[in-house]
């Protein structure tokens, strides 16, 4: 076999492996996304109220995973959970896998992605980021990235992930203290996770992802103003844009690594 043939064979094998990784990630995202509607329904309670325990007709809704359905309701439907959660999670996981490839941190992104989608859905519905998800997610991100740092061929640094979490969390805390009406404390806690995953790929990635989140939020707010669906005093959920910015930053960091 010639050298050129050997190189072509190796390249084709690498492409096949990357394709398999993306397909597996998409299937993982679709499967985990299908489990989100019940949690999204139960967590989507207005601020100050307990998590939903019953369907709109008053029947108990138990458990946190699976369809948001109630077998006692005549129509069999307890709530209209996010029907696109499975597709959205599949697309997010596939994009992360395509950017990260077979590096070990890909597993971390795939574990965190479904929770990020769930948080975005809940915040969009009721402008609330549940404490049972935000702080544990930050802790899980740092622990998982710490374990990943022990595995060969990883492309990030756990130290900058930790410092990134502290820096972004502190930055959002300052914004919250300056203007509590414009920045919720749930965003501060979510910023810890965003700082960790962005910091894994370094400070430039952290700054890029942070800027992307604010830019997306500003564009969304501007679009609402233009469409006259909001005014300058209207509060908008910022969590989805914080998550989207972190997602874009991780993609950029993974491709550049």
Protein backbone atom coordinates (compact mmCIF):
# COMPACT_ATOMS: atom_id res chain seq x y z
CA UNK A 1 0.00 0.00 0.00
CA UNK A 2 1.37 3.42 -0.93
CA UNK A 3 1.79 6.24 1.57
CA UNK A 4 -0.99 8.24 -0.11
CA UNK A 5 -3.37 5.29 0.12
CA UNK A 6 -2.55 4.79 3.78
CA UNK A 7 -3.18 8.47 4.51
CA UNK A 8 -6.51 8.35 2.66
CA UNK A 9 -7.52 5.24 4.60
CA UNK A 10 -6.71 6.85 7.95
CA UNK A 11 -8.60 10.03 7.01
CA UNK A 12 -11.64 8.07 5.89
CA UNK A 13 -11.62 6.11 9.15
CA UNK A 14 -11.43 9.32 11.15
CA UNK A 15 -14.36 10.78 9.22
CA UNK A 16 -16.38 7.61 9.84
CA UNK A 17 -15.64 7.75 13.57
CA UNK A 18 -16.64 11.42 13.78
CA UNK A 19 -19.88 10.67 11.94
CA UNK A 20 -20.69 7.85 14.33
CA UNK A 21 -20.02 10.13 17.29
CA UNK A 22 -22.39 12.78 15.91
CA UNK A 23 -25.11 10.21 15.22
CA UNK A 24 -24.80 8.71 18.70
CA UNK A 25 -24.91 12.19 20.22
CA UNK A 26 -28.04 13.05 18.23
CA UNK A 27 -29.74 9.86 19.41
CA UNK A 28 -28.71 10.62 22.99
CA UNK A 29 -30.14 14.11 22.67
CA UNK A 30 -33.40 12.87 21.18
CA UNK A 31 -33.81 10.26 23.92
CA UNK A 32 -33.01 12.59 26.81
CA UNK A 33 -35.03 15.41 25.27
CA UNK A 34 -38.07 13.14 25.17
CA UNK A 35 -37.81 12.83 28.96
CA UNK A 36 -37.91 16.60 29.58
CA UNK A 37 -41.60 17.60 29.15
CA UNK A 38 -42.76 16.42 32.58
CA UNK A 39 -39.93 18.18 34.38
CA UNK A 40 -40.55 21.29 32.27
CA UNK A 41 -44.23 21.28 33.23
CA UNK A 42 -43.59 20.73 36.94
CA UNK A 43 -40.80 23.32 37.18
CA UNK A 44 -42.80 25.91 35.21
CA UNK A 45 -44.52 27.37 38.25
CA UNK A 46 -44.53 31.15 38.82
CA UNK A 47 -41.88 32.56 41.14
CA UNK A 48 -42.81 32.12 44.78
CA UNK A 49 -45.00 29.08 44.13
CA UNK A 50 -44.10 25.45 44.76
CA UNK A 51 -43.36 23.14 41.86
CA UNK A 52 -46.48 21.84 40.18
CA UNK A 53 -47.85 18.70 41.77
CA UNK A 54 -51.09 18.43 39.79
CA UNK A 55 -52.36 18.68 36.25
CA UNK A 56 -54.76 21.50 35.25
CA UNK A 57 -57.71 19.25 36.20
CA UNK A 58 -56.31 18.62 39.67
CA UNK A 59 -54.98 15.10 39.25
CA UNK A 60 -51.57 14.28 40.80
CA UNK A 61 -48.55 14.37 38.48
CA UNK A 62 -45.80 12.17 39.85
CA UNK A 63 -42.21 11.75 38.80
CA UNK A 64 -39.99 14.12 36.84
CA UNK A 65 -39.12 12.32 33.62
CA UNK A 66 -41.18 11.44 30.60
CA UNK A 67 -44.23 12.84 28.90
CA UNK A 68 -46.24 15.48 30.71
CA UNK A 69 -49.36 13.36 30.66
CA UNK A 70 -52.07 12.52 33.13
CA UNK A 71 -53.84 9.20 32.68
CA UNK A 72 -56.85 10.40 34.68
CA UNK A 73 -57.66 13.31 32.38
CA UNK A 74 -60.32 12.58 29.73
CA UNK A 75 -57.95 13.70 26.99
CA UNK A 76 -55.01 11.99 28.64
CA UNK A 77 -53.02 15.19 28.59
CA UNK A 78 -51.88 16.89 31.78
CA UNK A 79 -50.01 19.68 30.14
CA UNK A 80 -48.66 20.80 26.84
CA UNK A 81 -44.98 20.24 27.43
CA UNK A 82 -42.36 21.42 24.94
CA UNK A 83 -42.97 19.12 21.98
CA UNK A 84 -39.77 20.30 20.34
CA UNK A 85 -37.57 19.45 23.34
CA UNK A 86 -36.43 16.17 21.81
CA UNK A 87 -35.50 17.76 18.48
CA UNK A 88 -33.82 20.76 20.11
CA UNK A 89 -31.75 18.57 22.43
CA UNK A 90 -30.77 16.29 19.56
CA UNK A 91 -29.57 19.23 17.48
CA UNK A 92 -27.62 20.73 20.39
CA UNK A 93 -25.94 17.42 21.22
CA UNK A 94 -25.11 16.72 17.57
CA UNK A 95 -23.54 20.16 17.16
CA UNK A 96 -21.46 19.73 20.32
CA UNK A 97 -20.28 16.30 19.20
CA UNK A 98 -19.38 17.60 15.75
CA UNK A 99 -17.28 20.36 17.29
CA UNK A 100 -15.62 18.27 20.00
CA UNK A 101 -15.16 14.99 18.18
CA UNK A 102 -13.79 12.10 20.22
CA UNK A 103 -12.12 14.25 22.89
CA UNK A 104 -13.21 13.24 26.41
CA UNK A 105 -14.93 16.54 27.24
CA UNK A 106 -17.58 15.66 24.64
CA UNK A 107 -19.14 13.35 27.22
CA UNK A 108 -19.41 16.27 29.66
CA UNK A 109 -21.15 18.48 27.11
CA UNK A 110 -23.62 15.70 26.28
CA UNK A 111 -24.47 15.20 29.95
CA UNK A 112 -24.98 18.91 30.60
CA UNK A 113 -26.86 19.77 27.39
CA UNK A 114 -30.29 18.28 28.29
CA UNK A 115 -30.35 20.20 31.57
CA UNK A 116 -29.44 23.38 29.72
CA UNK A 117 -32.35 22.86 27.33
CA UNK A 118 -34.68 22.22 30.27
CA UNK A 119 -33.56 25.41 32.02
CA UNK A 120 -34.05 27.45 28.85
CA UNK A 121 -37.57 26.09 28.38
CA UNK A 122 -38.61 26.80 31.97
CA UNK A 123 -37.14 30.30 31.97
CA UNK A 124 -38.91 31.14 28.72
CA UNK A 125 -42.22 29.97 30.14
CA UNK A 126 -42.19 31.53 33.62
CA UNK A 127 -38.97 33.60 33.87
CA UNK A 128 -37.64 31.31 36.59
CA UNK A 129 -34.46 29.23 36.88
CA UNK A 130 -35.09 26.46 39.45
CA UNK A 131 -32.55 26.21 42.28
CA UNK A 132 -32.65 22.38 42.23
CA UNK A 133 -31.10 22.60 38.75
CA UNK A 134 -28.81 25.64 38.66
CA UNK A 135 -26.43 25.07 41.57
CA UNK A 136 -26.17 21.25 41.16
CA UNK A 137 -25.47 21.84 37.46
CA UNK A 138 -22.53 24.10 38.29
CA UNK A 139 -21.14 21.57 40.74
CA UNK A 140 -21.59 18.73 38.26
CA UNK A 141 -19.86 20.71 35.51
CA UNK A 142 -16.79 21.37 37.65
CA UNK A 143 -16.59 17.79 38.95
CA UNK A 144 -17.00 16.27 35.49
CA UNK A 145 -14.46 18.61 33.96
CA UNK A 146 -12.08 17.84 36.81
CA UNK A 147 -12.34 14.14 36.01
CA UNK A 148 -11.96 14.88 32.29
CA UNK A 149 -8.72 16.73 33.00
CA UNK A 150 -7.28 13.41 34.20
CA UNK A 151 -8.03 11.71 30.86
CA UNK A 152 -5.49 11.92 28.01
CA UNK A 153 -6.22 13.97 24.89
CA UNK A 154 -8.51 16.48 26.57
CA UNK A 155 -8.32 19.98 25.12
CA UNK A 156 -9.02 22.25 28.08
CA UNK A 157 -7.82 23.28 31.52
CA UNK A 158 -9.74 22.64 34.73
CA UNK A 159 -8.06 25.55 36.50
CA UNK A 160 -9.44 28.08 34.04
CA UNK A 161 -12.83 26.35 34.22
CA UNK A 162 -12.90 26.93 37.99
CA UNK A 163 -11.66 30.49 37.70
CA UNK A 164 -14.07 31.13 34.83
CA UNK A 165 -17.00 29.96 36.96
CA UNK A 166 -15.97 32.26 39.81
CA UNK A 167 -15.29 35.21 37.50
CA UNK A 168 -18.52 35.02 35.52
CA UNK A 169 -20.56 34.30 38.64
CA UNK A 170 -19.02 37.34 40.35
CA UNK A 171 -19.65 39.50 37.29
CA UNK A 172 -23.31 38.55 37.16
CA UNK A 173 -23.60 39.08 40.91
CA UNK A 174 -22.37 42.65 40.47
CA UNK A 175 -24.96 43.21 37.73
CA UNK A 176 -27.66 41.77 39.98
CA UNK A 177 -26.69 44.04 42.87
CA UNK A 178 -26.63 47.09 40.58
CA UNK A 179 -29.97 46.35 38.94
CA UNK A 180 -31.99 43.52 40.57
CA UNK A 181 -34.93 44.27 38.28
CA UNK A 182 -32.86 43.59 35.19
CA UNK A 183 -30.92 40.52 36.35
CA UNK A 184 -32.39 37.66 38.37
CA UNK A 185 -30.40 35.80 41.01
CA UNK A 186 -31.09 32.60 39.10
CA UNK A 187 -29.00 34.06 36.27
CA UNK A 188 -26.15 34.58 38.74
CA UNK A 189 -26.23 30.91 39.73
CA UNK A 190 -26.51 29.77 36.12
CA UNK A 191 -23.50 31.94 35.25
CA UNK A 192 -21.35 29.62 37.39
CA UNK A 193 -22.00 26.77 34.97
CA UNK A 194 -21.55 28.98 31.91
CA UNK A 195 -18.25 30.26 33.29
CA UNK A 196 -17.03 26.72 33.94
CA UNK A 197 -17.76 25.32 30.49
CA UNK A 198 -16.48 28.42 28.70
CA UNK A 199 -13.42 28.71 30.92
CA UNK A 200 -12.46 25.14 30.08
CA UNK A 201 -11.32 26.40 26.67
CA UNK A 202 -9.67 29.55 28.04
CA UNK A 203 -10.35 33.22 28.68
CA UNK A 204 -10.94 34.23 25.03
CA UNK A 205 -13.71 31.61 24.82
CA UNK A 206 -15.17 32.87 28.09
CA UNK A 207 -15.31 36.43 26.78
CA UNK A 208 -16.74 35.30 23.44
CA UNK A 209 -19.52 33.23 25.02
CA UNK A 210 -20.37 35.98 27.50
CA UNK A 211 -20.57 38.61 24.77
CA UNK A 212 -22.69 36.28 22.61
CA UNK A 213 -25.20 35.84 25.42
CA UNK A 214 -25.63 39.60 25.94
CA UNK A 215 -25.78 40.21 22.20
CA UNK A 216 -28.50 37.60 21.69
CA UNK A 217 -30.48 39.01 24.61
CA UNK A 218 -30.18 42.54 23.22
CA UNK A 219 -31.28 41.43 19.76
CA UNK A 220 -34.30 39.63 21.22
CA UNK A 221 -35.28 42.64 23.32
CA UNK A 222 -34.82 44.92 20.33
CA UNK A 223 -37.01 42.69 18.17
CA UNK A 224 -39.77 42.81 20.80
CA UNK A 225 -39.57 46.60 20.87
CA UNK A 226 -39.76 46.86 17.09
CA UNK A 227 -42.72 44.47 17.04
CA UNK A 228 -44.33 46.51 19.86
CA UNK A 229 -44.69 43.42 21.99
CA UNK A 230 -42.71 45.00 24.82
CA UNK A 231 -41.47 48.34 26.10
CA UNK A 232 -38.20 49.36 27.76
CA UNK A 233 -39.49 48.30 31.18
CA UNK A 234 -40.60 44.83 30.11
CA UNK A 235 -38.64 42.05 31.82
CA UNK A 236 -37.38 39.29 29.56
CA UNK A 237 -35.91 35.93 30.56
CA UNK A 238 -32.15 36.10 30.20
CA UNK A 239 -31.35 32.47 31.03
CA UNK A 240 -31.95 31.15 27.49
CA UNK A 241 -29.54 33.73 26.07
CA UNK A 242 -26.94 32.99 28.73
CA UNK A 243 -27.22 29.32 27.79
CA UNK A 244 -27.17 30.04 24.05
CA UNK A 245 -24.07 32.21 24.45
CA UNK A 246 -22.32 29.46 26.41
CA UNK A 247 -23.32 26.96 23.72
CA UNK A 248 -21.89 29.11 20.94
CA UNK A 249 -18.74 29.80 22.94
CA UNK A 250 -18.15 26.09 23.60
CA UNK A 251 -18.64 25.34 19.91
CA UNK A 252 -16.07 27.99 18.97
CA UNK A 253 -13.66 26.83 21.67
CA UNK A 254 -14.00 23.19 20.67
CA UNK A 255 -13.41 23.89 16.99
CA UNK A 256 -10.37 26.05 17.79
CA UNK A 257 -8.86 23.55 20.26
